[in-house]
N, C-alpha and C. Protein backbone atom coordinates (compact mmCIF):
# COMPACT_ATOMS: atom_id res chain seq x y z
N MET A 1 -26.56 19.15 30.12
CA MET A 1 -27.50 18.59 29.19
C MET A 1 -26.81 17.63 28.20
N PHE A 2 -25.68 18.02 27.61
CA PHE A 2 -24.98 17.19 26.64
C PHE A 2 -23.91 16.33 27.29
N ARG A 3 -23.75 16.43 28.59
CA ARG A 3 -22.70 15.66 29.27
C ARG A 3 -22.96 14.16 29.24
N ASP A 4 -24.20 13.73 29.14
CA ASP A 4 -24.54 12.32 29.19
C ASP A 4 -24.36 11.61 27.84
N LEU A 5 -24.12 12.36 26.77
CA LEU A 5 -23.96 11.76 25.45
C LEU A 5 -22.59 11.10 25.33
N PRO A 6 -22.51 9.96 24.68
CA PRO A 6 -21.21 9.30 24.49
C PRO A 6 -20.31 10.14 23.60
N ARG A 7 -19.03 10.04 23.86
CA ARG A 7 -18.05 10.77 23.05
C ARG A 7 -17.68 9.96 21.82
N GLY A 8 -17.14 10.62 20.84
CA GLY A 8 -16.74 9.95 19.60
C GLY A 8 -17.69 10.33 18.47
N ASN A 9 -17.44 9.77 17.35
CA ASN A 9 -18.24 10.06 16.17
C ASN A 9 -19.38 9.05 16.08
N PRO A 10 -20.63 9.47 16.33
CA PRO A 10 -21.73 8.52 16.32
C PRO A 10 -21.99 7.89 14.96
N ALA A 11 -21.57 8.53 13.89
CA ALA A 11 -21.79 7.97 12.55
C ALA A 11 -21.02 6.67 12.38
N HIS A 12 -19.89 6.54 13.06
CA HIS A 12 -19.09 5.33 12.92
C HIS A 12 -19.60 4.20 13.80
N THR A 13 -20.41 4.50 14.78
CA THR A 13 -20.88 3.46 15.70
C THR A 13 -22.25 2.92 15.31
N VAL A 14 -22.97 3.62 14.45
CA VAL A 14 -24.31 3.19 14.07
C VAL A 14 -24.22 2.35 12.81
N THR A 15 -24.81 1.18 12.85
CA THR A 15 -24.83 0.33 11.65
C THR A 15 -26.00 0.75 10.77
N PRO A 16 -25.77 0.87 9.48
CA PRO A 16 -26.87 1.27 8.60
C PRO A 16 -27.95 0.19 8.58
N LEU A 17 -29.20 0.65 8.63
CA LEU A 17 -30.32 -0.28 8.60
C LEU A 17 -30.61 -0.75 7.19
N HIS A 18 -30.36 0.10 6.21
CA HIS A 18 -30.63 -0.22 4.81
C HIS A 18 -29.35 -0.07 4.01
N PRO A 19 -29.12 -0.96 3.07
CA PRO A 19 -27.93 -0.81 2.22
C PRO A 19 -28.01 0.49 1.41
N THR A 20 -26.87 1.04 1.11
CA THR A 20 -26.83 2.26 0.32
C THR A 20 -27.21 1.94 -1.13
N LEU A 21 -27.52 2.99 -1.87
CA LEU A 21 -27.88 2.81 -3.28
C LEU A 21 -26.75 2.15 -4.04
N ASP A 22 -25.51 2.51 -3.72
CA ASP A 22 -24.35 1.93 -4.39
C ASP A 22 -24.29 0.42 -4.15
N GLU A 23 -24.66 -0.02 -2.93
CA GLU A 23 -24.66 -1.44 -2.62
C GLU A 23 -25.84 -2.15 -3.29
N GLN A 24 -26.94 -1.44 -3.47
CA GLN A 24 -28.14 -2.03 -4.07
C GLN A 24 -28.08 -2.09 -5.59
N LEU A 25 -27.27 -1.24 -6.19
CA LEU A 25 -27.24 -1.12 -7.65
C LEU A 25 -26.99 -2.45 -8.36
N PRO A 26 -25.98 -3.23 -7.99
CA PRO A 26 -25.77 -4.50 -8.71
C PRO A 26 -26.97 -5.44 -8.63
N ALA A 27 -27.61 -5.50 -7.48
CA ALA A 27 -28.79 -6.37 -7.35
C ALA A 27 -29.93 -5.89 -8.23
N HIS A 28 -30.13 -4.58 -8.27
CA HIS A 28 -31.19 -4.02 -9.12
C HIS A 28 -30.89 -4.27 -10.60
N LEU A 29 -29.62 -4.11 -10.98
CA LEU A 29 -29.25 -4.35 -12.38
C LEU A 29 -29.42 -5.81 -12.75
N ARG A 30 -29.03 -6.72 -11.85
CA ARG A 30 -29.20 -8.16 -12.13
C ARG A 30 -30.68 -8.50 -12.31
N GLU A 31 -31.53 -7.94 -11.46
CA GLU A 31 -32.98 -8.19 -11.57
C GLU A 31 -33.52 -7.62 -12.87
N HIS A 32 -33.06 -6.43 -13.25
CA HIS A 32 -33.50 -5.82 -14.50
C HIS A 32 -33.08 -6.68 -15.69
N MET A 33 -31.84 -7.17 -15.69
CA MET A 33 -31.36 -8.04 -16.77
C MET A 33 -32.16 -9.34 -16.81
N ARG A 34 -32.50 -9.88 -15.65
CA ARG A 34 -33.29 -11.11 -15.60
C ARG A 34 -34.65 -10.91 -16.29
N ARG A 35 -35.29 -9.78 -15.99
CA ARG A 35 -36.59 -9.50 -16.61
C ARG A 35 -36.46 -9.29 -18.11
N LEU A 36 -35.42 -8.60 -18.54
CA LEU A 36 -35.21 -8.39 -19.98
C LEU A 36 -34.95 -9.72 -20.68
N ARG A 37 -34.18 -10.60 -20.04
CA ARG A 37 -33.90 -11.90 -20.65
C ARG A 37 -35.16 -12.75 -20.78
N LEU A 38 -36.14 -12.54 -19.93
CA LEU A 38 -37.40 -13.27 -20.03
C LEU A 38 -38.26 -12.75 -21.19
N ILE A 39 -38.10 -11.50 -21.53
CA ILE A 39 -38.88 -10.89 -22.62
C ILE A 39 -38.34 -11.31 -23.98
N LEU A 40 -37.04 -11.37 -24.11
CA LEU A 40 -36.40 -11.64 -25.40
C LEU A 40 -36.89 -12.93 -26.06
N PRO A 41 -36.99 -14.06 -25.37
CA PRO A 41 -37.47 -15.27 -26.05
C PRO A 41 -38.92 -15.17 -26.51
N VAL A 42 -39.74 -14.42 -25.79
CA VAL A 42 -41.14 -14.25 -26.20
C VAL A 42 -41.19 -13.57 -27.56
N ILE A 43 -40.40 -12.54 -27.72
CA ILE A 43 -40.38 -11.83 -29.00
C ILE A 43 -39.81 -12.74 -30.10
N SER A 44 -38.76 -13.47 -29.77
CA SER A 44 -38.13 -14.36 -30.76
C SER A 44 -39.09 -15.43 -31.24
N VAL A 45 -39.83 -16.04 -30.32
CA VAL A 45 -40.80 -17.07 -30.70
C VAL A 45 -41.91 -16.46 -31.57
N THR A 46 -42.33 -15.26 -31.22
CA THR A 46 -43.37 -14.58 -32.02
C THR A 46 -42.86 -14.33 -33.43
N VAL A 47 -41.63 -13.88 -33.55
CA VAL A 47 -41.03 -13.63 -34.86
C VAL A 47 -40.98 -14.93 -35.67
N MET A 48 -40.54 -16.02 -35.04
CA MET A 48 -40.46 -17.31 -35.75
C MET A 48 -41.84 -17.79 -36.17
N ALA A 49 -42.84 -17.63 -35.31
CA ALA A 49 -44.19 -18.07 -35.65
C ALA A 49 -44.76 -17.26 -36.80
N LEU A 50 -44.54 -15.98 -36.78
CA LEU A 50 -45.04 -15.13 -37.87
C LEU A 50 -44.37 -15.50 -39.20
N ARG A 51 -43.08 -15.74 -39.15
CA ARG A 51 -42.36 -16.09 -40.38
C ARG A 51 -42.77 -17.47 -40.89
N ALA A 52 -43.08 -18.38 -39.99
CA ALA A 52 -43.48 -19.74 -40.39
C ALA A 52 -44.82 -19.75 -41.11
N GLN A 53 -45.65 -18.75 -40.84
CA GLN A 53 -46.96 -18.69 -41.49
C GLN A 53 -46.85 -18.30 -42.96
N ASN A 54 -45.73 -17.71 -43.34
CA ASN A 54 -45.46 -17.33 -44.73
C ASN A 54 -46.50 -16.38 -45.33
N ALA A 55 -47.15 -15.60 -44.51
CA ALA A 55 -48.06 -14.58 -45.03
C ALA A 55 -47.25 -13.29 -45.19
N GLU A 56 -47.56 -12.53 -46.22
CA GLU A 56 -46.78 -11.33 -46.52
C GLU A 56 -46.77 -10.34 -45.36
N LEU A 57 -47.93 -10.05 -44.82
CA LEU A 57 -48.03 -9.09 -43.73
C LEU A 57 -47.33 -9.62 -42.47
N ASP A 58 -47.45 -10.93 -42.23
CA ASP A 58 -46.80 -11.52 -41.07
C ASP A 58 -45.28 -11.36 -41.14
N GLU A 59 -44.72 -11.52 -42.33
CA GLU A 59 -43.28 -11.35 -42.51
C GLU A 59 -42.87 -9.91 -42.19
N ASP A 60 -43.68 -8.95 -42.62
CA ASP A 60 -43.40 -7.55 -42.32
C ASP A 60 -43.43 -7.29 -40.81
N ILE A 61 -44.44 -7.84 -40.16
CA ILE A 61 -44.55 -7.67 -38.70
C ILE A 61 -43.37 -8.34 -38.01
N ALA A 62 -43.00 -9.51 -38.47
CA ALA A 62 -41.86 -10.21 -37.88
C ALA A 62 -40.58 -9.40 -38.05
N SER A 63 -40.40 -8.82 -39.21
CA SER A 63 -39.20 -7.99 -39.45
C SER A 63 -39.16 -6.78 -38.54
N VAL A 64 -40.31 -6.14 -38.37
CA VAL A 64 -40.38 -4.97 -37.49
C VAL A 64 -40.09 -5.37 -36.05
N LEU A 65 -40.70 -6.47 -35.60
CA LEU A 65 -40.44 -6.95 -34.24
C LEU A 65 -38.97 -7.26 -34.03
N HIS A 66 -38.39 -7.93 -35.02
CA HIS A 66 -36.97 -8.28 -34.90
C HIS A 66 -36.09 -7.03 -34.86
N GLN A 67 -36.35 -6.11 -35.77
CA GLN A 67 -35.51 -4.91 -35.89
C GLN A 67 -35.69 -3.95 -34.73
N TYR A 68 -36.94 -3.75 -34.28
CA TYR A 68 -37.20 -2.71 -33.30
C TYR A 68 -37.48 -3.23 -31.89
N ALA A 69 -37.51 -4.54 -31.72
CA ALA A 69 -37.71 -5.09 -30.37
C ALA A 69 -36.56 -6.02 -29.99
N CYS A 70 -36.35 -7.07 -30.78
CA CYS A 70 -35.30 -8.05 -30.45
C CYS A 70 -33.90 -7.44 -30.42
N ASP A 71 -33.54 -6.80 -31.51
CA ASP A 71 -32.19 -6.24 -31.59
C ASP A 71 -31.92 -5.19 -30.51
N PRO A 72 -32.81 -4.21 -30.32
CA PRO A 72 -32.55 -3.23 -29.26
C PRO A 72 -32.54 -3.85 -27.86
N LEU A 73 -33.40 -4.82 -27.64
CA LEU A 73 -33.43 -5.47 -26.33
C LEU A 73 -32.15 -6.25 -26.09
N ASP A 74 -31.67 -6.93 -27.11
CA ASP A 74 -30.41 -7.65 -27.00
C ASP A 74 -29.26 -6.70 -26.71
N LEU A 75 -29.23 -5.56 -27.38
CA LEU A 75 -28.19 -4.56 -27.13
C LEU A 75 -28.29 -4.00 -25.71
N GLU A 76 -29.50 -3.79 -25.23
CA GLU A 76 -29.71 -3.29 -23.88
C GLU A 76 -29.15 -4.26 -22.84
N ILE A 77 -29.41 -5.54 -23.06
CA ILE A 77 -28.89 -6.56 -22.15
C ILE A 77 -27.37 -6.57 -22.18
N GLU A 78 -26.78 -6.47 -23.36
CA GLU A 78 -25.32 -6.42 -23.48
C GLU A 78 -24.75 -5.20 -22.75
N ASP A 79 -25.40 -4.04 -22.90
CA ASP A 79 -24.95 -2.83 -22.21
C ASP A 79 -25.01 -3.01 -20.70
N LEU A 80 -26.07 -3.63 -20.21
CA LEU A 80 -26.18 -3.85 -18.77
C LEU A 80 -25.12 -4.83 -18.27
N GLU A 81 -24.83 -5.86 -19.06
CA GLU A 81 -23.78 -6.80 -18.69
C GLU A 81 -22.42 -6.09 -18.62
N THR A 82 -22.17 -5.21 -19.56
CA THR A 82 -20.93 -4.44 -19.56
C THR A 82 -20.86 -3.54 -18.33
N LEU A 83 -21.97 -2.89 -18.01
CA LEU A 83 -22.04 -2.04 -16.83
C LEU A 83 -21.78 -2.84 -15.56
N MET A 84 -22.37 -4.02 -15.47
CA MET A 84 -22.16 -4.88 -14.30
C MET A 84 -20.70 -5.29 -14.18
N ALA A 85 -20.08 -5.63 -15.29
CA ALA A 85 -18.67 -6.00 -15.27
C ALA A 85 -17.81 -4.82 -14.83
N SER A 86 -18.16 -3.63 -15.30
CA SER A 86 -17.43 -2.42 -14.91
C SER A 86 -17.57 -2.15 -13.42
N LEU A 87 -18.80 -2.31 -12.89
CA LEU A 87 -19.01 -2.13 -11.46
C LEU A 87 -18.21 -3.15 -10.65
N GLY A 88 -18.19 -4.38 -11.13
CA GLY A 88 -17.43 -5.42 -10.43
C GLY A 88 -15.95 -5.11 -10.42
N ALA A 89 -15.43 -4.65 -11.54
CA ALA A 89 -14.01 -4.29 -11.62
C ALA A 89 -13.70 -3.11 -10.70
N ARG A 90 -14.61 -2.15 -10.65
CA ARG A 90 -14.40 -0.99 -9.78
C ARG A 90 -14.38 -1.41 -8.30
N ARG A 91 -15.28 -2.29 -7.94
CA ARG A 91 -15.33 -2.76 -6.55
C ARG A 91 -14.05 -3.52 -6.20
N GLN A 92 -13.55 -4.31 -7.14
CA GLN A 92 -12.30 -5.04 -6.89
C GLN A 92 -11.15 -4.07 -6.69
N MET A 93 -11.09 -3.03 -7.51
CA MET A 93 -10.03 -2.04 -7.38
C MET A 93 -10.13 -1.30 -6.06
N GLU A 94 -11.37 -0.98 -5.63
CA GLU A 94 -11.54 -0.30 -4.36
C GLU A 94 -11.15 -1.19 -3.19
N GLY A 95 -11.35 -2.48 -3.35
CA GLY A 95 -10.99 -3.43 -2.29
C GLY A 95 -9.49 -3.58 -2.16
N LYS A 96 -8.73 -3.33 -3.24
CA LYS A 96 -7.28 -3.46 -3.21
C LYS A 96 -6.62 -2.23 -2.63
N VAL A 97 -7.34 -1.10 -2.64
CA VAL A 97 -6.75 0.15 -2.18
C VAL A 97 -6.74 0.21 -0.69
């Protein structure tokens, strides 16, 4: 019954149909950063428009948007960029081994 099966390790002869999660991670992170970078200017323009109106409440809203949306989003993008650089360095090190 098993005599007709090829010998050897079949895992090494089969090509993966889908990339592994590790291979997909940089692409997913780049796409996530791209979307975050598209959001940041929208918030910044809103903050500038609110401040240009010089209304008291608008300035408060602009400050809240800047403090709780722009700044955290900017930090998130920086963290993702650092993570991407770390992944790239790790891949380079693995390639040298």
